Amino acid sequence: GLFLNPPPSPRLPDPGGQYETRYMEQLLNVLRLYFNRLSAALSVLFGPNGGAELQNPHAMLMSNQDQANAGTTVANFLTFNQPVITQGIEVRNTNEIWFEKAGEYLVTFTLQVTNRDNAAHVFEVWAGFNGQNYPLSNTRFDIPARKSTDVWSHIVPAITGIFTVSDPSTEYLTIKWWSNSTLVFLEHYAAGTNPTRPEIPSVIMTINFVSRL
């Protein structure tokens, strides 16, 4: 894949005070070089493979670990230990998502939330920006009581939003969550048998570049 950058505008030669063959040759050479670069850039976009040759920042992040509730007065961080795809996006310190390019990003994630208590509880999840809470980003879910002593109650919240990155060197995204019970947590399930079934991650997040600023 290629990053498509527009060719810089050419610097035209100084025409001087009168017509000169040398000036016309220089001008034509500059314009020829510029249009060759422009044609090469456009061929990436409109060539046989079209957009398949372009490369936009994107990521798919997961966790194959249980994520416990540290306490009923604590904001827990989503953590990621299984980056499936990372193109121009990386995870630092297990919970910070950093971006190489400024722009608008579509962020979508799902959570495997489990309640092991025999009473219903509250679960909330929201975004963090540079370590601070992002305004108006919280969502509340009420998780039913468990079904039985060995069948827990589950919900799968699906959250989507647009995250704006103006300065990639200082700005990063985190996702936080809270519950009023330590028996509510994010659960990972091992692979199943009869029939063979894949693992269930505790969190799945996808990120796609939408637009430049």
C-alpha atoms as a PDB file:
ATOM      1  CA  GLY A   1       0.000   0.000   0.000  1.00  0.00           C
ATOM      2  CA  LEU A   2       1.029   3.630  -0.463  1.00  0.00           C
ATOM      3  CA  PHE A   3       0.412   6.883   1.335  1.00  0.00           C
ATOM      4  CA  LEU A   4      -0.882   9.258  -1.338  1.00  0.00           C
ATOM      5  CA  ASN A   5       0.705  12.699  -0.974  1.00  0.00           C
ATOM      6  CA  PRO A   6       0.002  15.471  -3.502  1.00  0.00           C
ATOM      7  CA  PRO A   7       3.083  16.638  -5.422  1.00  0.00           C
ATOM      8  CA  PRO A   8       4.330  20.057  -4.265  1.00  0.00           C
ATOM      9  CA  SER A   9       3.573  23.037  -6.482  1.00  0.00           C
ATOM     10  CA  PRO A  10       6.493  23.685  -8.851  1.00  0.00           C
ATOM     11  CA  ARG A  11       8.751  26.724  -8.515  1.00  0.00           C
ATOM     12  CA  LEU A  12       8.680  28.328 -11.940  1.00  0.00           C
ATOM     13  CA  PRO A  13      11.863  29.940 -13.300  1.00  0.00           C
ATOM     14  CA  ASP A  14      12.197  33.738 -13.409  1.00  0.00           C
ATOM     15  CA  PRO A  15      11.194  34.861 -16.927  1.00  0.00           C
ATOM     16  CA  GLY A  16      13.497  37.880 -16.931  1.00  0.00           C
ATOM     17  CA  GLY A  17      12.770  40.944 -19.043  1.00  0.00           C
ATOM     18  CA  GLN A  18      12.614  39.429 -22.522  1.00  0.00           C
ATOM     19  CA  TYR A  19      11.937  36.205 -24.353  1.00  0.00           C
ATOM     20  CA  GLU A  20      14.695  33.579 -24.113  1.00  0.00           C
ATOM     21  CA  THR A  21      14.792  30.053 -25.486  1.00  0.00           C
ATOM     22  CA  ARG A  22      16.638  28.912 -22.337  1.00  0.00           C
ATOM     23  CA  TYR A  23      13.801  30.186 -20.128  1.00  0.00           C
ATOM     24  CA  MET A  24      11.173  28.303 -22.170  1.00  0.00           C
ATOM     25  CA  GLU A  25      13.216  25.094 -21.919  1.00  0.00           C
ATOM     26  CA  GLN A  26      13.519  25.481 -18.136  1.00  0.00           C
ATOM     27  CA  LEU A  27       9.798  26.221 -17.816  1.00  0.00           C
ATOM     28  CA  LEU A  28       8.809  23.187 -19.878  1.00  0.00           C
ATOM     29  CA  ASN A  29      11.159  20.932 -17.887  1.00  0.00           C
ATOM     30  CA  VAL A  30       9.658  22.120 -14.574  1.00  0.00           C
ATOM     31  CA  LEU A  31       6.096  21.642 -15.815  1.00  0.00           C
ATOM     32  CA  ARG A  32       6.947  18.228 -17.298  1.00  0.00           C
ATOM     33  CA  LEU A  33       8.359  17.058 -13.974  1.00  0.00           C
ATOM     34  CA  TYR A  34       5.345  18.373 -12.058  1.00  0.00           C
ATOM     35  CA  PHE A  35       2.786  16.713 -14.329  1.00  0.00           C
ATOM     36  CA  ASN A  36       4.720  13.436 -14.278  1.00  0.00           C
ATOM     37  CA  ARG A  37       4.505  13.435 -10.472  1.00  0.00           C
ATOM     38  CA  LEU A  38       0.829  14.371 -10.589  1.00  0.00           C
ATOM     39  CA  SER A  39       0.105  11.612 -13.080  1.00  0.00           C
ATOM     40  CA  ALA A  40       1.945   9.061 -10.928  1.00  0.00           C
ATOM     41  CA  ALA A  41      -0.048  10.080  -7.835  1.00  0.00           C
ATOM     42  CA  LEU A  42      -3.377   9.913  -9.673  1.00  0.00           C
ATOM     43  CA  SER A  43      -2.530   6.542 -11.211  1.00  0.00           C
ATOM     44  CA  VAL A  44      -2.398   5.083  -7.701  1.00  0.00           C
ATOM     45  CA  LEU A  45      -5.941   6.250  -7.050  1.00  0.00           C
ATOM     46  CA  PHE A  46      -7.460   5.601 -10.486  1.00  0.00           C
ATOM     47  CA  GLY A  47      -5.284   2.704 -11.660  1.00  0.00           C
ATOM     48  CA  PRO A  48      -6.382  -0.941 -12.019  1.00  0.00           C
ATOM     49  CA  ASN A  49      -6.368  -1.525  -8.244  1.00  0.00           C
ATOM     50  CA  GLY A  50      -7.958   1.815  -7.373  1.00  0.00           C
ATOM     51  CA  GLY A  51      -8.249   2.389  -3.630  1.00  0.00           C
ATOM     52  CA  ALA A  52      -6.595  -0.964  -2.913  1.00  0.00           C
ATOM     53  CA  GLU A  53      -3.248   0.787  -3.321  1.00  0.00           C
ATOM     54  CA  LEU A  54      -4.018   3.398  -0.659  1.00  0.00           C
ATOM     55  CA  GLN A  55      -3.139   2.954   2.978  1.00  0.00           C
ATOM     56  CA  ASN A  56      -5.226   4.640   5.697  1.00  0.00           C
ATOM     57  CA  PRO A  57      -4.527   4.346   9.441  1.00  0.00           C
ATOM     58  CA  HIS A  58      -6.632   1.588  11.019  1.00  0.00           C
ATOM     59  CA  ALA A  59      -6.504  -0.918  13.858  1.00  0.00           C
ATOM     60  CA  MET A  60      -8.237  -3.911  15.428  1.00  0.00           C
ATOM     61  CA  LEU A  61      -7.454  -4.368  19.114  1.00  0.00           C
ATOM     62  CA  MET A  62      -8.515  -7.158  21.485  1.00  0.00           C
ATOM     63  CA  SER A  63      -7.957  -8.605  24.935  1.00  0.00           C
ATOM     64  CA  ASN A  64      -7.866 -12.310  25.826  1.00  0.00           C
ATOM     65  CA  GLN A  65      -7.856 -11.595  29.566  1.00  0.00           C
ATOM     66  CA  ASP A  66     -10.529 -11.078  32.196  1.00  0.00           C
ATOM     67  CA  GLN A  67     -10.625  -7.418  33.263  1.00  0.00           C
ATOM     68  CA  ALA A  68     -11.626  -7.098  36.903  1.00  0.00           C
ATOM     69  CA  ASN A  69     -13.425  -4.243  38.633  1.00  0.00           C
ATOM     70  CA  ALA A  70     -10.832  -2.703  40.986  1.00  0.00           C
ATOM     71  CA  GLY A  71     -13.523  -1.229  43.243  1.00  0.00           C
ATOM     72  CA  THR A  72     -16.885   0.490  43.310  1.00  0.00           C
ATOM     73  CA  THR A  73     -15.245   3.939  43.528  1.00  0.00           C
ATOM     74  CA  VAL A  74     -12.604   3.268  40.859  1.00  0.00           C
ATOM     75  CA  ALA A  75     -12.544   4.143  37.152  1.00  0.00           C
ATOM     76  CA  ASN A  76     -11.164   1.057  35.380  1.00  0.00           C
ATOM     77  CA  PHE A  77      -9.305   1.258  32.057  1.00  0.00           C
ATOM     78  CA  LEU A  78      -9.960  -0.989  29.090  1.00  0.00           C
ATOM     79  CA  THR A  79      -6.718  -2.822  28.351  1.00  0.00           C
ATOM     80  CA  PHE A  80      -5.569  -4.436  25.118  1.00  0.00           C
ATOM     81  CA  ASN A  81      -3.016  -7.229  24.898  1.00  0.00           C
ATOM     82  CA  GLN A  82      -3.880  -8.702  21.478  1.00  0.00           C
ATOM     83  CA  PRO A  83      -3.410  -6.122  18.693  1.00  0.00           C
ATOM     84  CA  VAL A  84      -4.614  -7.928  15.570  1.00  0.00           C
ATOM     85  CA  ILE A  85      -4.011  -5.032  13.149  1.00  0.00           C
ATOM     86  CA  THR A  86      -2.108  -1.791  13.830  1.00  0.00           C
ATOM     87  CA  GLN A  87      -1.475   0.523  10.887  1.00  0.00           C
ATOM     88  CA  GLY A  88      -0.572   4.033  12.023  1.00  0.00           C
ATOM     89  CA  ILE A  89      -2.118   3.352  15.452  1.00  0.00           C
ATOM     90  CA  GLU A  90      -0.493   1.796  18.527  1.00  0.00           C
ATOM     91  CA  VAL A  91      -1.285   0.837  22.119  1.00  0.00           C
ATOM     92  CA  ARG A  92       0.995   2.143  24.863  1.00  0.00           C
ATOM     93  CA  ASN A  93       0.919   1.220  28.556  1.00  0.00           C
ATOM     94  CA  THR A  94      -1.768  -1.411  27.734  1.00  0.00           C
ATOM     95  CA  ASN A  95      -4.595   1.183  27.676  1.00  0.00           C
ATOM     96  CA  GLU A  96      -3.472   4.307  25.775  1.00  0.00           C
ATOM     97  CA  ILE A  97      -4.276   4.465  22.048  1.00  0.00           C
ATOM     98  CA  TRP A  98      -1.943   6.744  20.072  1.00  0.00           C
ATOM     99  CA  PHE A  99      -2.247   7.901  16.468  1.00  0.00           C
ATOM    100  CA  GLU A 100       0.557   8.717  14.004  1.00  0.00           C
ATOM    101  CA  LYS A 101      -1.564  11.108  11.910  1.00  0.00           C
ATOM    102  CA  ALA A 102      -3.876  13.975  12.842  1.00  0.00           C
ATOM    103  CA  GLY A 103      -7.473  13.513  11.695  1.00  0.00           C
ATOM    104  CA  GLU A 104     -10.938  12.201  12.483  1.00  0.00           C
ATOM    105  CA  TYR A 105     -11.178   8.530  13.525  1.00  0.00           C
ATOM    106  CA  LEU A 106     -14.209   6.259  13.793  1.00  0.00           C
ATOM    107  CA  VAL A 107     -13.888   4.196  16.989  1.00  0.00           C
ATOM    108  CA  THR A 108     -16.142   1.185  17.636  1.00  0.00           C
ATOM    109  CA  PHE A 109     -15.879  -1.320  20.468  1.00  0.00           C
ATOM    110  CA  THR A 110     -17.831  -4.161  22.069  1.00  0.00           C
ATOM    111  CA  LEU A 111     -17.430  -5.521  25.591  1.00  0.00           C
ATOM    112  CA  GLN A 112     -18.219  -8.922  27.120  1.00  0.00           C
ATOM    113  CA  VAL A 113     -19.684  -7.703  30.430  1.00  0.00           C
ATOM    114  CA  THR A 114     -20.494 -10.341  33.058  1.00  0.00           C
ATOM    115  CA  ASN A 115     -22.497 -10.120  36.284  1.00  0.00           C
ATOM    116  CA  ARG A 116     -21.924 -12.991  38.734  1.00  0.00           C
ATOM    117  CA  ASP A 117     -24.136 -11.571  41.466  1.00  0.00           C
ATOM    118  CA  ASN A 118     -27.735 -12.595  42.142  1.00  0.00           C
ATOM    119  CA  ALA A 119     -28.746  -8.920  42.038  1.00  0.00           C
ATOM    120  CA  ALA A 120     -28.842  -6.462  39.133  1.00  0.00           C
ATOM    121  CA  HIS A 121     -26.034  -3.884  38.873  1.00  0.00           C
ATOM    122  CA  VAL A 122     -25.013  -0.772  36.961  1.00  0.00           C
ATOM    123  CA  PHE A 123     -22.282  -0.651  34.329  1.00  0.00           C
ATOM    124  CA  GLU A 124     -21.008   2.593  32.725  1.00  0.00           C
ATOM    125  CA  VAL A 125     -18.392   3.149  30.013  1.00  0.00           C
ATOM    126  CA  TRP A 126     -16.916   6.409  28.682  1.00  0.00           C
ATOM    127  CA  ALA A 127     -13.984   7.944  26.788  1.00  0.00           C
ATOM    128  CA  GLY A 128     -10.847   9.581  28.126  1.00  0.00           C
ATOM    129  CA  PHE A 129      -8.815  12.230  26.271  1.00  0.00           C
ATOM    130  CA  ASN A 130      -5.204  12.772  27.391  1.00  0.00           C
ATOM    131  CA  GLY A 131      -6.068  11.264  30.765  1.00  0.00           C
ATOM    132  CA  GLN A 132      -9.147  13.457  31.312  1.00  0.00           C
ATOM    133  CA  ASN A 133     -12.803  12.453  30.961  1.00  0.00           C
ATOM    134  CA  TYR A 134     -14.235  13.315  27.544  1.00  0.00           C
ATOM    135  CA  PRO A 135     -17.448  15.383  27.962  1.00  0.00           C
ATOM    136  CA  LEU A 136     -20.821  13.736  27.214  1.00  0.00           C
ATOM    137  CA  SER A 137     -19.225  10.387  26.393  1.00  0.00           C
ATOM    138  CA  ASN A 138     -20.716   8.179  29.140  1.00  0.00           C
ATOM    139  CA  THR A 139     -23.279   5.398  28.587  1.00  0.00           C
ATOM    140  CA  ARG A 140     -25.111   3.446  31.313  1.00  0.00           C
ATOM    141  CA  PHE A 141     -26.262  -0.170  31.192  1.00  0.00           C
ATOM    142  CA  ASP A 142     -28.251  -2.073  33.829  1.00  0.00           C
ATOM    143  CA  ILE A 143     -27.064  -5.687  33.995  1.00  0.00           C
ATOM    144  CA  PRO A 144     -29.623  -8.286  35.150  1.00  0.00           C
ATOM    145  CA  ALA A 145     -28.909 -10.712  37.978  1.00  0.00           C
ATOM    146  CA  ARG A 146     -27.232 -14.011  37.152  1.00  0.00           C
ATOM    147  CA  LYS A 147     -29.383 -16.829  35.772  1.00  0.00           C
ATOM    148  CA  SER A 148     -28.190 -19.461  38.260  1.00  0.00           C
ATOM    149  CA  THR A 149     -25.187 -20.292  40.422  1.00  0.00           C
ATOM    150  CA  ASP A 150     -23.141 -21.333  37.378  1.00  0.00           C
ATOM    151  CA  VAL A 151     -24.767 -19.354  34.529  1.00  0.00           C
ATOM    152  CA  TRP A 152     -23.842 -15.678  34.750  1.00  0.00           C
ATOM    153  CA  SER A 153     -25.713 -12.751  33.289  1.00  0.00           C
ATOM    154  CA  HIS A 154     -24.132 -11.101  30.236  1.00  0.00           C
ATOM    155  CA  ILE A 155     -24.553  -7.995  28.117  1.00  0.00           C
ATOM    156  CA  VAL A 156     -22.496  -6.890  25.105  1.00  0.00           C
ATOM    157  CA  PRO A 157     -22.427  -3.072  24.877  1.00  0.00           C
ATOM    158  CA  ALA A 158     -21.544  -1.750  21.418  1.00  0.00           C
ATOM    159  CA  ILE A 159     -20.275   1.851  21.369  1.00  0.00           C
ATOM    160  CA  THR A 160     -19.351   3.999  18.353  1.00  0.00           C
ATOM    161  CA  GLY A 161     -17.959   7.530  18.231  1.00  0.00           C
ATOM    162  CA  ILE A 162     -15.680   9.929  16.355  1.00  0.00           C
ATOM    163  CA  PHE A 163     -12.335  10.811  17.971  1.00  0.00           C
ATOM    164  CA  THR A 164     -10.452  13.906  16.809  1.00  0.00           C
ATOM    165  CA  VAL A 165      -6.652  13.985  16.885  1.00  0.00           C
ATOM    166  CA  SER A 166      -5.128  17.447  16.389  1.00  0.00           C
ATOM    167  CA  ASP A 167      -1.625  16.820  17.795  1.00  0.00           C
ATOM    168  CA  PRO A 168      -0.526  13.166  17.538  1.00  0.00           C
ATOM    169  CA  SER A 169       2.534  13.845  19.717  1.00  0.00           C
ATOM    170  CA  THR A 170       0.463  14.689  22.820  1.00  0.00           C
ATOM    171  CA  GLU A 171      -3.100  13.399  22.312  1.00  0.00           C
ATOM    172  CA  TYR A 172      -4.303   9.866  22.994  1.00  0.00           C
ATOM    173  CA  LEU A 173      -7.530   7.964  23.622  1.00  0.00           C
ATOM    174  CA  THR A 174      -8.496   5.764  26.565  1.00  0.00           C
ATOM    175  CA  ILE A 175     -11.756   4.004  27.441  1.00  0.00           C
ATOM    176  CA  LYS A 176     -12.836   3.793  31.084  1.00  0.00           C
ATOM    177  CA  TRP A 177     -15.575   1.820  32.828  1.00  0.00           C
ATOM    178  CA  TRP A 178     -17.208   1.547  36.248  1.00  0.00           C
ATOM    179  CA  SER A 179     -19.687  -0.652  38.066  1.00  0.00           C
ATOM    180  CA  ASN A 180     -21.309  -0.521  41.482  1.00  0.00           C
ATOM    181  CA  SER A 181     -20.321  -4.159  42.114  1.00  0.00           C
ATOM    182  CA  THR A 182     -16.969  -5.941  41.975  1.00  0.00           C
ATOM    183  CA  LEU A 183     -18.883  -9.002  40.723  1.00  0.00           C
ATOM    184  CA  VAL A 184     -19.337  -7.155  37.441  1.00  0.00           C
ATOM    185  CA  PHE A 185     -16.298  -7.376  35.148  1.00  0.00           C
ATOM    186  CA  LEU A 186     -15.176  -7.955  31.557  1.00  0.00           C
ATOM    187  CA  GLU A 187     -14.818 -11.653  30.886  1.00  0.00           C
ATOM    188  CA  HIS A 188     -12.744 -13.665  28.448  1.00  0.00           C
ATOM    189  CA  TYR A 189     -13.850 -17.202  27.606  1.00  0.00           C
ATOM    190  CA  ALA A 190     -11.555 -20.007  26.467  1.00  0.00           C
ATOM    191  CA  ALA A 191     -12.159 -21.883  23.229  1.00  0.00           C
ATOM    192  CA  GLY A 192     -15.104 -24.279  23.328  1.00  0.00           C
ATOM    193  CA  THR A 193     -15.568 -27.859  22.164  1.00  0.00           C
ATOM    194  CA  ASN A 194     -18.380 -29.994  20.715  1.00  0.00           C
ATOM    195  CA  PRO A 195     -18.510 -28.119  18.407  1.00  0.00           C
ATOM    196  CA  THR A 196     -15.104 -26.415  18.292  1.00  0.00           C
ATOM    197  CA  ARG A 197     -15.603 -22.708  18.974  1.00  0.00           C
ATOM    198  CA  PRO A 198     -13.076 -19.825  19.145  1.00  0.00           C
ATOM    199  CA  GLU A 199     -12.210 -17.859  22.260  1.00  0.00           C
ATOM    200  CA  ILE A 200     -14.414 -14.945  23.298  1.00  0.00           C
ATOM    201  CA  PRO A 201     -12.332 -11.783  23.893  1.00  0.00           C
ATOM    202  CA  SER A 202     -13.271  -9.466  26.735  1.00  0.00           C
ATOM    203  CA  VAL A 203     -13.037  -6.466  24.388  1.00  0.00           C
ATOM    204  CA  ILE A 204     -12.888  -5.883  20.622  1.00  0.00           C
ATOM    205  CA  MET A 205     -12.093  -2.413  19.248  1.00  0.00           C
ATOM    206  CA  THR A 206     -11.817  -1.283  15.642  1.00  0.00           C
ATOM    207  CA  ILE A 207     -10.495   2.136  14.573  1.00  0.00           C
ATOM    208  CA  ASN A 208     -10.690   3.610  11.084  1.00  0.00           C
ATOM    209  CA  PHE A 209      -9.363   6.871   9.699  1.00  0.00           C
ATOM    210  CA  VAL A 210     -12.286   8.960   8.407  1.00  0.00           C
ATOM    211  CA  SER A 211     -10.910  12.333   7.336  1.00  0.00           C
ATOM    212  CA  ARG A 212      -8.095  14.839   7.629  1.00  0.00           C
ATOM    213  CA  LEU A 213      -8.788  17.875   9.756  1.00  0.00           C
END
